PDB file of N, CA and C in Angstrom:
ATOM      1  N   MET A   1       0.859  -1.169   0.000  1.00  0.00           N
ATOM      2  CA  MET A   1       0.000   0.000   0.000  1.00  0.00           C
ATOM      3  C   MET A   1       0.905   1.231   0.000  1.00  0.00           C
ATOM      4  N   THR A   2       0.593   2.180  -0.816  1.00  0.00           N
ATOM      5  CA  THR A   2       1.366   3.414  -0.872  1.00  0.00           C
ATOM      6  C   THR A   2       0.803   4.389   0.134  1.00  0.00           C
ATOM      7  N   SER A   3       1.634   5.321   0.595  1.00  0.00           N
ATOM      8  CA  SER A   3       1.170   6.265   1.606  1.00  0.00           C
ATOM      9  C   SER A   3       0.119   7.194   1.014  1.00  0.00           C
ATOM     10  N   GLY A   4      -0.980   7.359   1.743  1.00  0.00           N
ATOM     11  CA  GLY A   4      -2.039   8.259   1.318  1.00  0.00           C
ATOM     12  C   GLY A   4      -3.048   7.618   0.382  1.00  0.00           C
ATOM     13  N   ALA A   5      -2.761   6.445  -0.146  1.00  0.00           N
ATOM     14  CA  ALA A   5      -3.680   5.790  -1.077  1.00  0.00           C
ATOM     15  C   ALA A   5      -4.585   4.831  -0.313  1.00  0.00           C
ATOM     16  N   GLN A   6      -5.730   4.571  -0.880  1.00  0.00           N
ATOM     17  CA  GLN A   6      -6.661   3.615  -0.296  1.00  0.00           C
ATOM     18  C   GLN A   6      -6.112   2.202  -0.490  1.00  0.00           C
ATOM     19  N   PRO A   7      -6.318   1.316   0.490  1.00  0.00           N
ATOM     20  CA  PRO A   7      -5.831  -0.054   0.325  1.00  0.00           C
ATOM     21  C   PRO A   7      -6.609  -0.760  -0.783  1.00  0.00           C
ATOM     22  N   THR A   8      -5.918  -1.626  -1.479  1.00  0.00           N
ATOM     23  CA  THR A   8      -6.580  -2.401  -2.524  1.00  0.00           C
ATOM     24  C   THR A   8      -7.423  -3.475  -1.860  1.00  0.00           C
ATOM     25  N   ALA A   9      -8.268  -4.119  -2.655  1.00  0.00           N
ATOM     26  CA  ALA A   9      -9.127  -5.170  -2.122  1.00  0.00           C
ATOM     27  C   ALA A   9      -8.290  -6.309  -1.549  1.00  0.00           C
ATOM     28  N   ALA A  10      -7.193  -6.643  -2.229  1.00  0.00           N
ATOM     29  CA  ALA A  10      -6.330  -7.724  -1.754  1.00  0.00           C
ATOM     30  C   ALA A  10      -5.658  -7.334  -0.433  1.00  0.00           C
ATOM     31  N   GLU A  11      -5.213  -6.095  -0.319  1.00  0.00           N
ATOM     32  CA  GLU A  11      -4.578  -5.629   0.916  1.00  0.00           C
ATOM     33  C   GLU A  11      -5.587  -5.595   2.062  1.00  0.00           C
ATOM     34  N   PHE A  12      -6.794  -5.170   1.750  1.00  0.00           N
ATOM     35  CA  PHE A  12      -7.852  -5.122   2.758  1.00  0.00           C
ATOM     36  C   PHE A  12      -8.155  -6.528   3.265  1.00  0.00           C
ATOM     37  N   LYS A  13      -8.260  -7.473   2.330  1.00  0.00           N
ATOM     38  CA  LYS A  13      -8.548  -8.858   2.697  1.00  0.00           C
ATOM     39  C   LYS A  13      -7.403  -9.429   3.541  1.00  0.00           C
ATOM     40  N   MET A  14      -6.158  -9.117   3.158  1.00  0.00           N
ATOM     41  CA  MET A  14      -4.999  -9.609   3.896  1.00  0.00           C
ATOM     42  C   MET A  14      -4.983  -9.035   5.315  1.00  0.00           C
ATOM     43  N   ASN A  15      -5.315  -7.750   5.463  1.00  0.00           N
ATOM     44  CA  ASN A  15      -5.372  -7.131   6.791  1.00  0.00           C
ATOM     45  C   ASN A  15      -6.423  -7.803   7.667  1.00  0.00           C
ATOM     46  N   LYS A  16      -7.589  -8.091   7.078  1.00  0.00           N
ATOM     47  CA  LYS A  16      -8.660  -8.755   7.822  1.00  0.00           C
ATOM     48  C   LYS A  16      -8.227 -10.150   8.253  1.00  0.00           C
ATOM     49  N   LEU A  17      -7.542 -10.869   7.366  1.00  0.00           N
ATOM     50  CA  LEU A  17      -7.062 -12.206   7.707  1.00  0.00           C
ATOM     51  C   LEU A  17      -6.043 -12.146   8.840  1.00  0.00           C
ATOM     52  N   GLN A  18      -5.151 -11.166   8.787  1.00  0.00           N
ATOM     53  CA  GLN A  18      -4.149 -11.016   9.841  1.00  0.00           C
ATOM     54  C   GLN A  18      -4.803 -10.660  11.174  1.00  0.00           C
ATOM     55  N   GLU A  19      -5.807  -9.807  11.140  1.00  0.00           N
ATOM     56  CA  GLU A  19      -6.531  -9.451  12.367  1.00  0.00           C
ATOM     57  C   GLU A  19      -7.220 -10.678  12.954  1.00  0.00           C
ATOM     58  N   GLY A  20      -7.849 -11.460  12.082  1.00  0.00           N
ATOM     59  CA  GLY A  20      -8.518 -12.678  12.535  1.00  0.00           C
ATOM     60  C   GLY A  20      -7.535 -13.675  13.119  1.00  0.00           C
ATOM     61  N   LEU A  21      -6.381 -13.811  12.476  1.00  0.00           N
ATOM     62  CA  LEU A  21      -5.355 -14.723  12.967  1.00  0.00           C
ATOM     63  C   LEU A  21      -4.830 -14.271  14.327  1.00  0.00           C
ATOM     64  N   GLN A  22      -4.618 -12.988  14.480  1.00  0.00           N
ATOM     65  CA  GLN A  22      -4.145 -12.446  15.755  1.00  0.00           C
ATOM     66  C   GLN A  22      -5.183 -12.685  16.853  1.00  0.00           C
ATOM     67  N   GLN A  23      -6.444 -12.503  16.527  1.00  0.00           N
ATOM     68  CA  GLN A  23      -7.513 -12.727  17.503  1.00  0.00           C
ATOM     69  C   GLN A  23      -7.570 -14.209  17.890  1.00  0.00           C
ATOM     70  N   GLN A  24      -7.416 -15.096  16.920  1.00  0.00           N
ATOM     71  CA  GLN A  24      -7.427 -16.529  17.211  1.00  0.00           C
ATOM     72  C   GLN A  24      -6.242 -16.922  18.095  1.00  0.00           C
ATOM     73  N   ARG A  25      -5.090 -16.311  17.875  1.00  0.00           N
ATOM     74  CA  ARG A  25      -3.919 -16.594  18.716  1.00  0.00           C
ATOM     75  C   ARG A  25      -4.172 -16.171  20.162  1.00  0.00           C
ATOM     76  N   LYS A  26      -4.833 -15.032  20.350  1.00  0.00           N
ATOM     77  CA  LYS A  26      -5.163 -14.571  21.702  1.00  0.00           C
ATOM     78  C   LYS A  26      -6.114 -15.548  22.383  1.00  0.00           C
ATOM     79  N   ILE A  27      -7.087 -16.037  21.627  1.00  0.00           N
ATOM     80  CA  ILE A  27      -8.050 -16.995  22.183  1.00  0.00           C
ATOM     81  C   ILE A  27      -7.340 -18.280  22.590  1.00  0.00           C
ATOM     82  N   VAL A  28      -6.465 -18.775  21.723  1.00  0.00           N
ATOM     83  CA  VAL A  28      -5.727 -20.004  22.024  1.00  0.00           C
ATOM     84  C   VAL A  28      -4.862 -19.815  23.266  1.00  0.00           C
ATOM     85  N   GLU A  29      -4.197 -18.683  23.375  1.00  0.00           N
ATOM     86  CA  GLU A  29      -3.363 -18.411  24.546  1.00  0.00           C
ATOM     87  C   GLU A  29      -4.212 -18.383  25.816  1.00  0.00           C
ATOM     88  N   GLN A  30      -5.381 -17.749  25.762  1.00  0.00           N
ATOM     89  CA  GLN A  30      -6.273 -17.702  26.921  1.00  0.00           C
ATOM     90  C   GLN A  30      -6.744 -19.106  27.292  1.00  0.00           C
ATOM     91  N   LEU A  31      -7.090 -19.910  26.298  1.00  0.00           N
ATOM     92  CA  LEU A  31      -7.527 -21.277  26.575  1.00  0.00           C
ATOM     93  C   LEU A  31      -6.401 -22.107  27.188  1.00  0.00           C
ATOM     94  N   ARG A  32      -5.170 -21.891  26.732  1.00  0.00           N
ATOM     95  CA  ARG A  32      -4.031 -22.602  27.323  1.00  0.00           C
ATOM     96  C   ARG A  32      -3.846 -22.211  28.785  1.00  0.00           C
ATOM     97  N   LEU A  33      -3.988 -20.918  29.085  1.00  0.00           N
ATOM     98  CA  LEU A  33      -3.873 -20.466  30.476  1.00  0.00           C
ATOM     99  C   LEU A  33      -4.955 -21.098  31.344  1.00  0.00           C
ATOM    100  N   GLU A  34      -6.176 -21.137  30.833  1.00  0.00           N
ATOM    101  CA  GLU A  34      -7.285 -21.705  31.596  1.00  0.00           C
ATOM    102  C   GLU A  34      -7.121 -23.208  31.780  1.00  0.00           C
ATOM    103  N   ALA A  35      -6.585 -23.894  30.761  1.00  0.00           N
ATOM    104  CA  ALA A  35      -6.376 -25.339  30.862  1.00  0.00           C
ATOM    105  C   ALA A  35      -5.290 -25.679  31.877  1.00  0.00           C
ATOM    106  N   ALA A  36      -4.362 -24.765  32.112  1.00  0.00           N
ATOM    107  CA  ALA A  36      -3.254 -25.016  33.033  1.00  0.00           C
ATOM    108  C   ALA A  36      -3.620 -24.754  34.493  1.00  0.00           C
ATOM    109  N   ILE A  37      -4.801 -24.220  34.758  1.00  0.00           N
ATOM    110  CA  ILE A  37      -5.215 -23.927  36.133  1.00  0.00           C
ATOM    111  C   ILE A  37      -5.408 -25.231  36.896  1.00  0.00           C
ATOM    112  N   ASN A  38      -4.830 -25.293  38.094  1.00  0.00           N
ATOM    113  CA  ASN A  38      -4.985 -26.467  38.941  1.00  0.00           C
ATOM    114  C   ASN A  38      -6.376 -26.431  39.567  1.00  0.00           C
ATOM    115  N   ARG A  39      -7.182 -27.417  39.260  1.00  0.00           N
ATOM    116  CA  ARG A  39      -8.547 -27.468  39.773  1.00  0.00           C
ATOM    117  C   ARG A  39      -8.674 -28.571  40.815  1.00  0.00           C
ATOM    118  N   MET A  40      -9.568 -28.328  41.764  1.00  0.00           N
ATOM    119  CA  MET A  40      -9.843 -29.331  42.791  1.00  0.00           C
ATOM    120  C   MET A  40     -11.333 -29.632  42.778  1.00  0.00           C
ATOM    121  N   ARG A  41     -11.663 -30.848  43.138  1.00  0.00           N
ATOM    122  CA  ARG A  41     -13.075 -31.211  43.254  1.00  0.00           C
ATOM    123  C   ARG A  41     -13.663 -30.516  44.484  1.00  0.00           C
ATOM    124  N   VAL A  42     -14.906 -30.118  44.370  1.00  0.00           N
ATOM    125  CA  VAL A  42     -15.574 -29.464  45.502  1.00  0.00           C
ATOM    126  C   VAL A  42     -15.606 -30.410  46.696  1.00  0.00           C
ATOM    127  N   SER A  43     -15.821 -31.688  46.430  1.00  0.00           N
ATOM    128  CA  SER A  43     -15.871 -32.652  47.533  1.00  0.00           C
ATOM    129  C   SER A  43     -14.551 -32.715  48.291  1.00  0.00           C
ATOM    130  N   GLU A  44     -13.443 -32.359  47.641  1.00  0.00           N
ATOM    131  CA  GLU A  44     -12.135 -32.390  48.288  1.00  0.00           C
ATOM    132  C   GLU A  44     -11.842 -31.106  49.069  1.00  0.00           C
ATOM    133  N   CYS A  45     -12.415 -29.991  48.683  1.00  0.00           N
ATOM    134  CA  CYS A  45     -12.055 -28.720  49.318  1.00  0.00           C
ATOM    135  C   CYS A  45     -13.212 -28.059  50.068  1.00  0.00           C
ATOM    136  N   ILE A  46     -14.338 -28.741  50.208  1.00  0.00           N
ATOM    137  CA  ILE A  46     -15.500 -28.122  50.844  1.00  0.00           C
ATOM    138  C   ILE A  46     -15.228 -27.766  52.304  1.00  0.00           C
ATOM    139  N   GLU A  47     -14.447 -28.572  53.005  1.00  0.00           N
ATOM    140  CA  GLU A  47     -14.148 -28.266  54.412  1.00  0.00           C
ATOM    141  C   GLU A  47     -13.351 -26.972  54.527  1.00  0.00           C
ATOM    142  N   ASP A  48     -12.408 -26.756  53.617  1.00  0.00           N
ATOM    143  CA  ASP A  48     -11.643 -25.498  53.621  1.00  0.00           C
ATOM    144  C   ASP A  48     -12.550 -24.308  53.338  1.00  0.00           C
ATOM    145  N   ILE A  49     -13.489 -24.483  52.426  1.00  0.00           N
ATOM    146  CA  ILE A  49     -14.431 -23.404  52.094  1.00  0.00           C
ATOM    147  C   ILE A  49     -15.298 -23.081  53.314  1.00  0.00           C
ATOM    148  N   LYS A  50     -15.780 -24.113  53.997  1.00  0.00           N
ATOM    149  CA  LYS A  50     -16.608 -23.899  55.189  1.00  0.00           C
ATOM    150  C   LYS A  50     -15.827 -23.190  56.289  1.00  0.00           C
ATOM    151  N   LYS A  51     -14.580 -23.595  56.506  1.00  0.00           N
ATOM    152  CA  LYS A  51     -13.751 -22.936  57.525  1.00  0.00           C
ATOM    153  C   LYS A  51     -13.524 -21.467  57.173  1.00  0.00           C
ATOM    154  N   PHE A  52     -13.261 -21.218  55.909  1.00  0.00           N
ATOM    155  CA  PHE A  52     -13.022 -19.847  55.454  1.00  0.00           C
ATOM    156  C   PHE A  52     -14.234 -18.969  55.727  1.00  0.00           C
ATOM    157  N   THR A  53     -15.420 -19.449  55.368  1.00  0.00           N
ATOM    158  CA  THR A  53     -16.621 -18.637  55.572  1.00  0.00           C
ATOM    159  C   THR A  53     -16.973 -18.513  57.053  1.00  0.00           C
ATOM    160  N   ASP A  54     -16.771 -19.584  57.816  1.00  0.00           N
ATOM    161  CA  ASP A  54     -17.080 -19.532  59.254  1.00  0.00           C
ATOM    162  C   ASP A  54     -16.199 -18.538  59.995  1.00  0.00           C
ATOM    163  N   THR A  55     -14.933 -18.417  59.608  1.00  0.00           N
ATOM    164  CA  THR A  55     -14.037 -17.490  60.300  1.00  0.00           C
ATOM    165  C   THR A  55     -14.327 -16.041  59.942  1.00  0.00           C
ATOM    166  N   ARG A  56     -15.121 -15.809  58.918  1.00  0.00           N
ATOM    167  CA  ARG A  56     -15.408 -14.441  58.481  1.00  0.00           C
ATOM    168  C   ARG A  56     -16.889 -14.063  58.622  1.00  0.00           C
ATOM    169  N   LEU A  57     -17.611 -14.786  59.461  1.00  0.00           N
ATOM    170  CA  LEU A  57     -19.039 -14.505  59.641  1.00  0.00           C
ATOM    171  C   LEU A  57     -19.293 -13.084  60.124  1.00  0.00           C
ATOM    172  N   GLU A  58     -18.468 -12.588  61.016  1.00  0.00           N
ATOM    173  CA  GLU A  58     -18.668 -11.245  61.567  1.00  0.00           C
ATOM    174  C   GLU A  58     -18.452 -10.154  60.525  1.00  0.00           C
ATOM    175  N   GLU A  59     -17.717 -10.457  59.467  1.00  0.00           N
ATOM    176  CA  GLU A  59     -17.440  -9.468  58.422  1.00  0.00           C
ATOM    177  C   GLU A  59     -18.433  -9.562  57.267  1.00  0.00           C
ATOM    178  N   ASP A  60     -19.294 -10.583  57.287  1.00  0.00           N
ATOM    179  CA  ASP A  60     -20.178 -10.853  56.156  1.00  0.00           C
ATOM    180  C   ASP A  60     -21.469 -10.045  56.281  1.00  0.00           C
ATOM    181  N   TYR A  61     -21.605  -9.042  55.433  1.00  0.00           N
ATOM    182  CA  TYR A  61     -22.786  -8.174  55.479  1.00  0.00           C
ATOM    183  C   TYR A  61     -24.051  -8.875  54.993  1.00  0.00           C
ATOM    184  N   LEU A  62     -23.906  -9.947  54.220  1.00  0.00           N
ATOM    185  CA  LEU A  62     -25.091 -10.679  53.781  1.00  0.00           C
ATOM    186  C   LEU A  62     -25.737 -11.427  54.944  1.00  0.00           C
ATOM    187  N   ILE A  63     -24.942 -11.812  55.916  1.00  0.00           N
ATOM    188  CA  ILE A  63     -25.466 -12.523  57.084  1.00  0.00           C
ATOM    189  C   ILE A  63     -25.772 -11.554  58.218  1.00  0.00           C
ATOM    190  N   LYS A  64     -24.845 -10.679  58.502  1.00  0.00           N
ATOM    191  CA  LYS A  64     -24.944  -9.775  59.647  1.00  0.00           C
ATOM    192  C   LYS A  64     -25.765  -8.528  59.344  1.00  0.00           C
ATOM    193  N   GLY A  65     -25.735  -8.083  58.119  1.00  0.00           N
ATOM    194  CA  GLY A  65     -26.399  -6.841  57.763  1.00  0.00           C
ATOM    195  C   GLY A  65     -25.474  -5.658  57.973  1.00  0.00           C
ATOM    196  N   PHE A  66     -25.945  -4.487  57.625  1.00  0.00           N
ATOM    197  CA  PHE A  66     -25.155  -3.268  57.764  1.00  0.00           C
ATOM    198  C   PHE A  66     -25.482  -2.607  59.094  1.00  0.00           C
ATOM    199  N   PRO A  67     -24.471  -2.004  59.750  1.00  0.00           N
ATOM    200  CA  PRO A  67     -24.724  -1.346  61.036  1.00  0.00           C
ATOM    201  C   PRO A  67     -25.766  -0.237  60.917  1.00  0.00           C
ATOM    202  N   ARG A  68     -25.690   0.514  59.834  1.00  0.00           N
ATOM    203  CA  ARG A  68     -26.663   1.575  59.572  1.00  0.00           C
ATOM    204  C   ARG A  68     -27.194   1.386  58.156  1.00  0.00           C
ATOM    205  N   PRO A  69     -28.463   1.626  57.913  1.00  0.00           N
ATOM    206  CA  PRO A  69     -29.008   1.453  56.563  1.00  0.00           C
ATOM    207  C   PRO A  69     -28.282   2.295  55.513  1.00  0.00           C
ATOM    208  N   GLY A  70     -27.737   3.432  55.905  1.00  0.00           N
ATOM    209  CA  GLY A  70     -27.030   4.291  54.963  1.00  0.00           C
ATOM    210  C   GLY A  70     -25.707   3.711  54.491  1.00  0.00           C
ATOM    211  N   ASP A  71     -25.197   2.685  55.188  1.00  0.00           N
ATOM    212  CA  ASP A  71     -23.937   2.050  54.803  1.00  0.00           C
ATOM    213  C   ASP A  71     -24.105   1.090  53.628  1.00  0.00           C
ATOM    214  N   ASN A  72     -25.331   0.716  53.327  1.00  0.00           N
ATOM    215  CA  ASN A  72     -25.600  -0.238  52.253  1.00  0.00           C
ATOM    216  C   ASN A  72     -25.437   0.446  50.897  1.00  0.00           C
ATOM    217  N   PRO A  73     -24.412   0.067  50.106  1.00  0.00           N
ATOM    218  CA  PRO A  73     -24.196   0.721  48.811  1.00  0.00           C
ATOM    219  C   PRO A  73     -25.233   0.327  47.763  1.00  0.00           C
ATOM    220  N   PHE A  74     -26.021  -0.725  48.030  1.00  0.00           N
ATOM    221  CA  PHE A  74     -26.991  -1.196  47.052  1.00  0.00           C
ATOM    222  C   PHE A  74     -28.387  -0.628  47.278  1.00  0.00           C
ATOM    223  N   LYS A  75     -28.589   0.048  48.391  1.00  0.00           N
ATOM    224  CA  LYS A  75     -29.894   0.630  48.688  1.00  0.00           C
ATOM    225  C   LYS A  75     -30.053   1.929  47.913  1.00  0.00           C
ATOM    226  N   GLU A  76     -31.251   2.146  47.389  1.00  0.00           N
ATOM    227  CA  GLU A  76     -31.508   3.395  46.675  1.00  0.00           C
ATOM    228  C   GLU A  76     -31.377   4.558  47.646  1.00  0.00           C
ATOM    229  N   LYS A  77     -30.754   5.613  47.183  1.00  0.00           N
ATOM    230  CA  LYS A  77     -30.498   6.770  48.042  1.00  0.00           C
ATOM    231  C   LYS A  77     -31.736   7.636  48.229  1.00  0.00           C
ATOM    232  N   GLY A  78     -32.650   7.563  47.332  1.00  0.00           N
ATOM    233  CA  GLY A  78     -33.866   8.357  47.440  1.00  0.00           C
ATOM    234  C   GLY A  78     -34.556   8.435  46.097  1.00  0.00           C
ATOM    235  N   SER A  79     -35.700   9.045  46.077  1.00  0.00           N
ATOM    236  CA  SER A  79     -36.426   9.160  44.818  1.00  0.00           C
ATOM    237  C   SER A  79     -36.104  10.494  44.159  1.00  0.00           C
ATOM    238  N   CYS A  80     -36.480  10.592  42.931  1.00  0.00           N
ATOM    239  CA  CYS A  80     -36.239  11.809  42.158  1.00  0.00           C
ATOM    240  C   CYS A  80     -37.226  12.888  42.618  1.00  0.00           C
ATOM    241  N   THR A  81     -36.729  14.055  42.964  1.00  0.00           N
ATOM    242  CA  THR A  81     -37.597  15.124  43.455  1.00  0.00           C
ATOM    243  C   THR A  81     -38.238  15.910  42.319  1.00  0.00           C
ATOM    244  N   ILE A  82     -37.761  15.743  41.107  1.00  0.00           N
ATOM    245  CA  ILE A  82     -38.320  16.476  39.966  1.00  0.00           C
ATOM    246  C   ILE A  82     -39.723  15.983  39.642  1.00  0.00           C
ATOM    247  N   LEU A  83     -39.924  14.683  39.734  1.00  0.00           N
ATOM    248  CA  LEU A  83     -41.234  14.119  39.407  1.00  0.00           C
ATOM    249  C   LEU A  83     -42.161  14.388  40.538  1.00  0.00           C
TER     250      LEU A  83
END
């Protein structure tokens, strides 16, 4: 392609193919990373999960709730006064 000129149909097609190939390489790399993750069966690690959650009960707002209603970031702050 010359500078300032529009790409030809062949150059455009080649660019699209290269973009697609690059995207496929990224996908393959991500899949390789995910395949390499060490996984454990839930039946093997459930006791560790239970211990983890039990030791943090006092910090869990889903169980304990918020000390003040205004501390809840998911509660609506108020209605629109314009309407």
